């Protein structure tokens, strides 16, 4: 947010992200939930490293895709999927327990100007910190989307892992276009029709995709968490 806060003091692990994911899935089979808020490179590498990883990981909640709406990188693609479409296609077809939250959902979850003012006036140091760094993000949304507010992509996806009842879901097969003008496009097969020919979706494992959200409840939960320090 261009606020010049001091840099973090933590140090990165020597272990690769993919190796760490595989290690945790093996240590706690079926118990680990991964909330993937960026491109899916490390998850695809984990699958490559250990082909049994999709069955050992508990759930993968993905912020990614644009289901029946335009993307946010271009009309076809959402940013995280566009960042590594090959990895995304590997993950979506891996057979893991996947819940995908696309920008068709997150664009309904908006933090308003009034919400930001509440954060700014809060006793919570986290709320005040967030209010400061959000200025840049508000300016971007005003310029790019012509709205007064910001889309809560990452928080809404995290809440899908914490309280999935705030969204509804449909199930089907997702494939990702990996090249060309529609690179990064997520194409969802509802599996409601049996096609006459074998397709790239045939026989692939299904995933859950969020289709509706209780946006006011999500924003309320986020505001409550941000204004409480403990």
C-alpha atoms as a PDB file:
ATOM      1  CA  UNK A   1       0.000   0.000   0.000  1.00  0.00           C
ATOM      2  CA  UNK A   2       3.008   2.360  -0.313  1.00  0.00           C
ATOM      3  CA  UNK A   3       2.901   3.060   3.432  1.00  0.00           C
ATOM      4  CA  UNK A   4       6.600   2.276   4.070  1.00  0.00           C
ATOM      5  CA  UNK A   5       5.983  -0.029   7.003  1.00  0.00           C
ATOM      6  CA  UNK A   6       9.092  -1.836   8.302  1.00  0.00           C
ATOM      7  CA  UNK A   7       9.895  -5.077   6.469  1.00  0.00           C
ATOM      8  CA  UNK A   8       8.907  -8.399   8.071  1.00  0.00           C
ATOM      9  CA  UNK A   9      11.449 -10.135  10.268  1.00  0.00           C
ATOM     10  CA  UNK A  10      10.559 -13.712   9.297  1.00  0.00           C
ATOM     11  CA  UNK A  11      12.874 -15.827   7.156  1.00  0.00           C
ATOM     12  CA  UNK A  12      11.876 -18.245   4.360  1.00  0.00           C
ATOM     13  CA  UNK A  13      12.305 -21.971   4.906  1.00  0.00           C
ATOM     14  CA  UNK A  14      15.002 -23.787   2.957  1.00  0.00           C
ATOM     15  CA  UNK A  15      12.419 -26.419   1.982  1.00  0.00           C
ATOM     16  CA  UNK A  16      10.488 -25.845  -1.239  1.00  0.00           C
ATOM     17  CA  UNK A  17       6.782 -25.063  -1.017  1.00  0.00           C
ATOM     18  CA  UNK A  18       5.909 -28.218  -2.962  1.00  0.00           C
ATOM     19  CA  UNK A  19       7.992 -30.416  -0.653  1.00  0.00           C
ATOM     20  CA  UNK A  20       6.408 -28.753   2.407  1.00  0.00           C
ATOM     21  CA  UNK A  21       2.897 -29.411   1.060  1.00  0.00           C
ATOM     22  CA  UNK A  22       3.719 -33.065   0.399  1.00  0.00           C
ATOM     23  CA  UNK A  23       5.294 -33.435   3.841  1.00  0.00           C
ATOM     24  CA  UNK A  24       2.259 -31.969   5.633  1.00  0.00           C
ATOM     25  CA  UNK A  25      -0.198 -34.075   3.626  1.00  0.00           C
ATOM     26  CA  UNK A  26       1.758 -37.198   4.572  1.00  0.00           C
ATOM     27  CA  UNK A  27       2.012 -36.212   8.228  1.00  0.00           C
ATOM     28  CA  UNK A  28      -1.696 -35.371   8.513  1.00  0.00           C
ATOM     29  CA  UNK A  29      -3.528 -37.289   5.780  1.00  0.00           C
ATOM     30  CA  UNK A  30      -7.009 -35.960   5.101  1.00  0.00           C
ATOM     31  CA  UNK A  31      -6.657 -33.196   7.717  1.00  0.00           C
ATOM     32  CA  UNK A  32      -4.911 -30.351   5.877  1.00  0.00           C
ATOM     33  CA  UNK A  33      -6.877 -27.657   4.049  1.00  0.00           C
ATOM     34  CA  UNK A  34      -4.932 -25.556   1.559  1.00  0.00           C
ATOM     35  CA  UNK A  35      -6.404 -22.138   0.761  1.00  0.00           C
ATOM     36  CA  UNK A  36      -4.751 -21.238  -2.547  1.00  0.00           C
ATOM     37  CA  UNK A  37      -4.839 -17.469  -3.078  1.00  0.00           C
ATOM     38  CA  UNK A  38      -2.414 -17.251  -6.000  1.00  0.00           C
ATOM     39  CA  UNK A  39      -1.368 -19.190  -9.102  1.00  0.00           C
ATOM     40  CA  UNK A  40      -1.414 -22.946  -8.522  1.00  0.00           C
ATOM     41  CA  UNK A  41       2.224 -23.661  -9.435  1.00  0.00           C
ATOM     42  CA  UNK A  42       3.278 -25.120  -6.078  1.00  0.00           C
ATOM     43  CA  UNK A  43       0.242 -27.396  -5.860  1.00  0.00           C
ATOM     44  CA  UNK A  44       0.932 -28.745  -9.350  1.00  0.00           C
ATOM     45  CA  UNK A  45       4.565 -29.329  -8.357  1.00  0.00           C
ATOM     46  CA  UNK A  46       3.384 -31.151  -5.215  1.00  0.00           C
ATOM     47  CA  UNK A  47       1.251 -33.447  -7.394  1.00  0.00           C
ATOM     48  CA  UNK A  48       4.244 -34.056  -9.651  1.00  0.00           C
ATOM     49  CA  UNK A  49       6.440 -34.764  -6.623  1.00  0.00           C
ATOM     50  CA  UNK A  50       3.911 -37.170  -5.069  1.00  0.00           C
ATOM     51  CA  UNK A  51       1.108 -38.441  -7.335  1.00  0.00           C
ATOM     52  CA  UNK A  52      -0.796 -39.580  -4.222  1.00  0.00           C
ATOM     53  CA  UNK A  53      -0.895 -35.996  -2.900  1.00  0.00           C
ATOM     54  CA  UNK A  54      -4.439 -35.267  -4.228  1.00  0.00           C
ATOM     55  CA  UNK A  55      -5.837 -38.131  -2.123  1.00  0.00           C
ATOM     56  CA  UNK A  56      -3.820 -37.237   0.985  1.00  0.00           C
ATOM     57  CA  UNK A  57      -4.616 -33.545   1.116  1.00  0.00           C
ATOM     58  CA  UNK A  58      -7.847 -32.733   2.936  1.00  0.00           C
ATOM     59  CA  UNK A  59      -9.293 -29.985   0.757  1.00  0.00           C
ATOM     60  CA  UNK A  60      -8.003 -27.352  -1.643  1.00  0.00           C
ATOM     61  CA  UNK A  61      -9.979 -24.100  -1.649  1.00  0.00           C
ATOM     62  CA  UNK A  62      -8.989 -22.138  -4.740  1.00  0.00           C
ATOM     63  CA  UNK A  63      -9.363 -18.451  -5.448  1.00  0.00           C
ATOM     64  CA  UNK A  64      -9.435 -18.752  -9.197  1.00  0.00           C
ATOM     65  CA  UNK A  65     -11.480 -18.677 -12.338  1.00  0.00           C
ATOM     66  CA  UNK A  66     -14.282 -16.645 -13.836  1.00  0.00           C
ATOM     67  CA  UNK A  67     -17.373 -18.800 -14.238  1.00  0.00           C
ATOM     68  CA  UNK A  68     -19.834 -17.331 -16.779  1.00  0.00           C
ATOM     69  CA  UNK A  69     -18.371 -13.829 -16.323  1.00  0.00           C
ATOM     70  CA  UNK A  70     -15.469 -11.857 -17.802  1.00  0.00           C
ATOM     71  CA  UNK A  71     -12.016 -12.273 -16.323  1.00  0.00           C
ATOM     72  CA  UNK A  72     -10.009  -9.530 -14.625  1.00  0.00           C
ATOM     73  CA  UNK A  73      -6.786  -9.848 -16.642  1.00  0.00           C
ATOM     74  CA  UNK A  74      -8.689  -9.828 -19.919  1.00  0.00           C
ATOM     75  CA  UNK A  75     -12.243 -10.826 -20.881  1.00  0.00           C
ATOM     76  CA  UNK A  76     -11.285 -14.515 -20.829  1.00  0.00           C
ATOM     77  CA  UNK A  77      -9.088 -15.019 -17.787  1.00  0.00           C
ATOM     78  CA  UNK A  78      -8.900 -14.437 -14.036  1.00  0.00           C
ATOM     79  CA  UNK A  79      -5.471 -13.403 -12.724  1.00  0.00           C
ATOM     80  CA  UNK A  80      -4.511 -16.442 -10.624  1.00  0.00           C
ATOM     81  CA  UNK A  81      -5.412 -18.961 -13.322  1.00  0.00           C
ATOM     82  CA  UNK A  82      -3.813 -16.790 -16.000  1.00  0.00           C
ATOM     83  CA  UNK A  83      -0.619 -16.735 -13.921  1.00  0.00           C
ATOM     84  CA  UNK A  84      -0.048 -20.477 -14.514  1.00  0.00           C
ATOM     85  CA  UNK A  85      -2.822 -22.081 -16.579  1.00  0.00           C
ATOM     86  CA  UNK A  86      -0.907 -25.343 -17.034  1.00  0.00           C
ATOM     87  CA  UNK A  87      -0.630 -25.773 -13.275  1.00  0.00           C
ATOM     88  CA  UNK A  88      -4.302 -24.887 -12.823  1.00  0.00           C
ATOM     89  CA  UNK A  89      -5.411 -27.557 -15.299  1.00  0.00           C
ATOM     90  CA  UNK A  90      -3.275 -30.154 -13.494  1.00  0.00           C
ATOM     91  CA  UNK A  91      -4.786 -29.247 -10.125  1.00  0.00           C
ATOM     92  CA  UNK A  92      -8.398 -29.060 -11.327  1.00  0.00           C
ATOM     93  CA  UNK A  93      -8.151 -32.532 -12.906  1.00  0.00           C
ATOM     94  CA  UNK A  94      -6.088 -34.154 -10.125  1.00  0.00           C
ATOM     95  CA  UNK A  95      -8.961 -35.763  -8.232  1.00  0.00           C
ATOM     96  CA  UNK A  96      -8.370 -33.728  -5.071  1.00  0.00           C
ATOM     97  CA  UNK A  97     -11.310 -32.426  -3.019  1.00  0.00           C
ATOM     98  CA  UNK A  98     -11.493 -28.975  -4.607  1.00  0.00           C
ATOM     99  CA  UNK A  99     -13.716 -25.989  -3.932  1.00  0.00           C
ATOM    100  CA  UNK A 100     -13.238 -23.122  -6.406  1.00  0.00           C
ATOM    101  CA  UNK A 101     -14.288 -19.548  -5.666  1.00  0.00           C
ATOM    102  CA  UNK A 102     -14.244 -17.429  -8.813  1.00  0.00           C
ATOM    103  CA  UNK A 103     -14.569 -13.719  -9.395  1.00  0.00           C
ATOM    104  CA  UNK A 104     -18.239 -14.256 -10.225  1.00  0.00           C
ATOM    105  CA  UNK A 105     -18.518 -14.699  -6.432  1.00  0.00           C
ATOM    106  CA  UNK A 106     -15.828 -12.352  -5.104  1.00  0.00           C
ATOM    107  CA  UNK A 107     -17.087  -9.414  -7.180  1.00  0.00           C
ATOM    108  CA  UNK A 108     -20.269  -9.572  -5.109  1.00  0.00           C
ATOM    109  CA  UNK A 109     -18.337  -9.130  -1.847  1.00  0.00           C
ATOM    110  CA  UNK A 110     -17.484  -5.431  -1.619  1.00  0.00           C
ATOM    111  CA  UNK A 111     -15.870  -3.417   1.165  1.00  0.00           C
ATOM    112  CA  UNK A 112     -17.445   0.045   0.884  1.00  0.00           C
ATOM    113  CA  UNK A 113     -16.059   3.485   1.660  1.00  0.00           C
ATOM    114  CA  UNK A 114     -18.150   3.453   4.836  1.00  0.00           C
ATOM    115  CA  UNK A 115     -16.615   0.127   5.873  1.00  0.00           C
ATOM    116  CA  UNK A 116     -13.136   1.559   5.400  1.00  0.00           C
ATOM    117  CA  UNK A 117     -14.011   4.535   7.598  1.00  0.00           C
ATOM    118  CA  UNK A 118     -15.093   2.108  10.333  1.00  0.00           C
ATOM    119  CA  UNK A 119     -11.718   0.373  10.060  1.00  0.00           C
ATOM    120  CA  UNK A 120      -9.907   3.706  10.232  1.00  0.00           C
ATOM    121  CA  UNK A 121     -11.764   4.665  13.419  1.00  0.00           C
ATOM    122  CA  UNK A 122     -11.466   1.256  15.056  1.00  0.00           C
ATOM    123  CA  UNK A 123      -9.485   0.536  18.225  1.00  0.00           C
ATOM    124  CA  UNK A 124      -7.939  -2.441  16.435  1.00  0.00           C
ATOM    125  CA  UNK A 125      -4.380  -1.966  15.205  1.00  0.00           C
ATOM    126  CA  UNK A 126      -5.074  -4.465  12.422  1.00  0.00           C
ATOM    127  CA  UNK A 127      -8.103  -2.515  11.217  1.00  0.00           C
ATOM    128  CA  UNK A 128      -6.172   0.771  11.187  1.00  0.00           C
ATOM    129  CA  UNK A 129      -3.252  -0.861   9.370  1.00  0.00           C
ATOM    130  CA  UNK A 130      -5.574  -2.286   6.741  1.00  0.00           C
ATOM    131  CA  UNK A 131      -7.356   1.037   6.299  1.00  0.00           C
ATOM    132  CA  UNK A 132      -4.003   2.674   5.485  1.00  0.00           C
ATOM    133  CA  UNK A 133      -2.820   0.142   2.936  1.00  0.00           C
ATOM    134  CA  UNK A 134      -6.224  -0.046   1.223  1.00  0.00           C
ATOM    135  CA  UNK A 135      -5.941   3.454  -0.241  1.00  0.00           C
ATOM    136  CA  UNK A 136      -4.032   2.215  -3.275  1.00  0.00           C
ATOM    137  CA  UNK A 137      -6.566  -0.579  -3.803  1.00  0.00           C
ATOM    138  CA  UNK A 138      -9.540   1.791  -3.605  1.00  0.00           C
ATOM    139  CA  UNK A 139      -7.914   4.056  -6.198  1.00  0.00           C
ATOM    140  CA  UNK A 140      -7.380   1.069  -8.503  1.00  0.00           C
ATOM    141  CA  UNK A 141     -11.019  -0.034  -8.255  1.00  0.00           C
ATOM    142  CA  UNK A 142     -12.269   3.465  -8.937  1.00  0.00           C
ATOM    143  CA  UNK A 143     -10.090   3.644 -12.047  1.00  0.00           C
ATOM    144  CA  UNK A 144     -10.554   0.081 -13.341  1.00  0.00           C
ATOM    145  CA  UNK A 145     -14.113  -0.768 -12.279  1.00  0.00           C
ATOM    146  CA  UNK A 146     -15.685   2.674 -11.718  1.00  0.00           C
ATOM    147  CA  UNK A 147     -16.839   1.668  -8.223  1.00  0.00           C
ATOM    148  CA  UNK A 148     -16.455   3.159  -4.744  1.00  0.00           C
ATOM    149  CA  UNK A 149     -15.229   0.149  -2.828  1.00  0.00           C
ATOM    150  CA  UNK A 150     -12.957  -2.879  -3.226  1.00  0.00           C
ATOM    151  CA  UNK A 151     -13.615  -6.519  -4.070  1.00  0.00           C
ATOM    152  CA  UNK A 152     -12.703  -8.900  -1.238  1.00  0.00           C
ATOM    153  CA  UNK A 153     -11.273 -11.763  -3.284  1.00  0.00           C
ATOM    154  CA  UNK A 154      -8.897 -13.347  -0.771  1.00  0.00           C
ATOM    155  CA  UNK A 155     -11.014 -12.873   2.385  1.00  0.00           C
ATOM    156  CA  UNK A 156     -14.130 -14.301   0.713  1.00  0.00           C
ATOM    157  CA  UNK A 157     -12.169 -17.388  -0.349  1.00  0.00           C
ATOM    158  CA  UNK A 158     -10.752 -17.886   3.128  1.00  0.00           C
ATOM    159  CA  UNK A 159     -14.265 -17.655   4.548  1.00  0.00           C
ATOM    160  CA  UNK A 160     -15.375 -20.377   2.120  1.00  0.00           C
ATOM    161  CA  UNK A 161     -12.934 -22.616   3.994  1.00  0.00           C
ATOM    162  CA  UNK A 162     -13.993 -21.366   7.448  1.00  0.00           C
ATOM    163  CA  UNK A 163     -17.779 -21.281   6.903  1.00  0.00           C
ATOM    164  CA  UNK A 164     -18.798 -22.902   3.599  1.00  0.00           C
ATOM    165  CA  UNK A 165     -22.484 -22.429   4.477  1.00  0.00           C
ATOM    166  CA  UNK A 166     -22.224 -18.779   3.376  1.00  0.00           C
ATOM    167  CA  UNK A 167     -22.019 -19.935  -0.243  1.00  0.00           C
ATOM    168  CA  UNK A 168     -23.820 -22.442  -2.435  1.00  0.00           C
ATOM    169  CA  UNK A 169     -22.068 -24.695  -4.881  1.00  0.00           C
ATOM    170  CA  UNK A 170     -22.476 -26.738  -8.002  1.00  0.00           C
ATOM    171  CA  UNK A 171     -20.351 -29.677  -9.084  1.00  0.00           C
ATOM    172  CA  UNK A 172     -18.760 -30.484 -12.417  1.00  0.00           C
ATOM    173  CA  UNK A 173     -15.522 -30.697 -14.372  1.00  0.00           C
ATOM    174  CA  UNK A 174     -13.259 -27.670 -14.852  1.00  0.00           C
ATOM    175  CA  UNK A 175     -10.669 -27.520 -17.614  1.00  0.00           C
ATOM    176  CA  UNK A 176      -8.308 -24.614 -18.250  1.00  0.00           C
ATOM    177  CA  UNK A 177      -7.327 -23.230 -21.648  1.00  0.00           C
ATOM    178  CA  UNK A 178      -3.522 -23.151 -21.648  1.00  0.00           C
ATOM    179  CA  UNK A 179      -2.702 -21.083 -24.743  1.00  0.00           C
ATOM    180  CA  UNK A 180      -4.062 -18.714 -27.350  1.00  0.00           C
ATOM    181  CA  UNK A 181      -6.291 -15.693 -26.983  1.00  0.00           C
ATOM    182  CA  UNK A 182      -8.344 -17.402 -24.246  1.00  0.00           C
ATOM    183  CA  UNK A 183      -5.326 -18.558 -22.219  1.00  0.00           C
ATOM    184  CA  UNK A 184      -6.414 -18.953 -18.590  1.00  0.00           C
ATOM    185  CA  UNK A 185     -10.102 -19.435 -19.391  1.00  0.00           C
ATOM    186  CA  UNK A 186     -11.873 -21.815 -16.971  1.00  0.00           C
ATOM    187  CA  UNK A 187     -14.498 -23.874 -18.769  1.00  0.00           C
ATOM    188  CA  UNK A 188     -17.010 -25.618 -16.522  1.00  0.00           C
ATOM    189  CA  UNK A 189     -18.866 -28.750 -17.603  1.00  0.00           C
ATOM    190  CA  UNK A 190     -21.969 -29.219 -15.472  1.00  0.00           C
ATOM    191  CA  UNK A 191     -21.984 -32.918 -16.496  1.00  0.00           C
ATOM    192  CA  UNK A 192     -25.751 -32.598 -17.120  1.00  0.00           C
ATOM    193  CA  UNK A 193     -25.332 -33.810 -20.689  1.00  0.00           C
ATOM    194  CA  UNK A 194     -23.692 -36.906 -22.093  1.00  0.00           C
ATOM    195  CA  UNK A 195     -21.942 -35.777 -25.243  1.00  0.00           C
ATOM    196  CA  UNK A 196     -21.842 -37.960 -28.320  1.00  0.00           C
ATOM    197  CA  UNK A 197     -18.070 -37.687 -28.651  1.00  0.00           C
ATOM    198  CA  UNK A 198     -15.206 -38.081 -26.222  1.00  0.00           C
ATOM    199  CA  UNK A 199     -14.066 -34.620 -25.055  1.00  0.00           C
ATOM    200  CA  UNK A 200     -11.259 -33.181 -22.934  1.00  0.00           C
ATOM    201  CA  UNK A 201     -13.734 -33.179 -20.027  1.00  0.00           C
ATOM    202  CA  UNK A 202     -14.763 -36.840 -20.365  1.00  0.00           C
ATOM    203  CA  UNK A 203     -13.878 -38.985 -17.367  1.00  0.00           C
ATOM    204  CA  UNK A 204     -12.215 -36.173 -15.455  1.00  0.00           C
ATOM    205  CA  UNK A 205     -12.907 -35.833 -11.721  1.00  0.00           C
ATOM    206  CA  UNK A 206     -15.471 -33.281 -10.604  1.00  0.00           C
ATOM    207  CA  UNK A 207     -14.867 -30.269  -8.378  1.00  0.00           C
ATOM    208  CA  UNK A 208     -17.181 -27.908  -6.488  1.00  0.00           C
ATOM    209  CA  UNK A 209     -17.599 -24.361  -7.792  1.00  0.00           C
ATOM    210  CA  UNK A 210     -19.250 -21.595  -5.761  1.00  0.00           C
ATOM    211  CA  UNK A 211     -22.324 -20.130  -7.505  1.00  0.00           C
ATOM    212  CA  UNK A 212     -23.964 -17.858  -4.891  1.00  0.00           C
ATOM    213  CA  UNK A 213     -22.767 -16.004  -1.792  1.00  0.00           C
ATOM    214  CA  UNK A 214     -24.368 -14.307   1.188  1.00  0.00           C
ATOM    215  CA  UNK A 215     -22.259 -11.208   0.600  1.00  0.00           C
ATOM    216  CA  UNK A 216     -23.559  -9.101   3.543  1.00  0.00           C
ATOM    217  CA  UNK A 217     -22.810 -11.948   5.957  1.00  0.00           C
ATOM    218  CA  UNK A 218     -19.298 -12.379   4.526  1.00  0.00           C
ATOM    219  CA  UNK A 219     -18.551  -8.651   4.835  1.00  0.00           C
ATOM    220  CA  UNK A 220     -19.957  -8.639   8.372  1.00  0.00           C
ATOM    221  CA  UNK A 221     -17.718 -11.531   9.397  1.00  0.00           C
ATOM    222  CA  UNK A 222     -14.657  -9.867   7.855  1.00  0.00           C
ATOM    223  CA  UNK A 223     -15.388  -6.550   9.576  1.00  0.00           C
ATOM    224  CA  UNK A 224     -15.922  -8.323  12.908  1.00  0.00           C
ATOM    225  CA  UNK A 225     -12.618 -10.181  12.616  1.00  0.00           C
ATOM    226  CA  UNK A 226     -10.678  -7.089  11.532  1.00  0.00           C
ATOM    227  CA  UNK A 227     -11.949  -4.918  14.372  1.00  0.00           C
ATOM    228  CA  UNK A 228     -11.068  -7.468  17.072  1.00  0.00           C
ATOM    229  CA  UNK A 229      -7.395  -7.694  18.030  1.00  0.00           C
ATOM    230  CA  UNK A 230      -7.531 -11.000  19.906  1.00  0.00           C
END
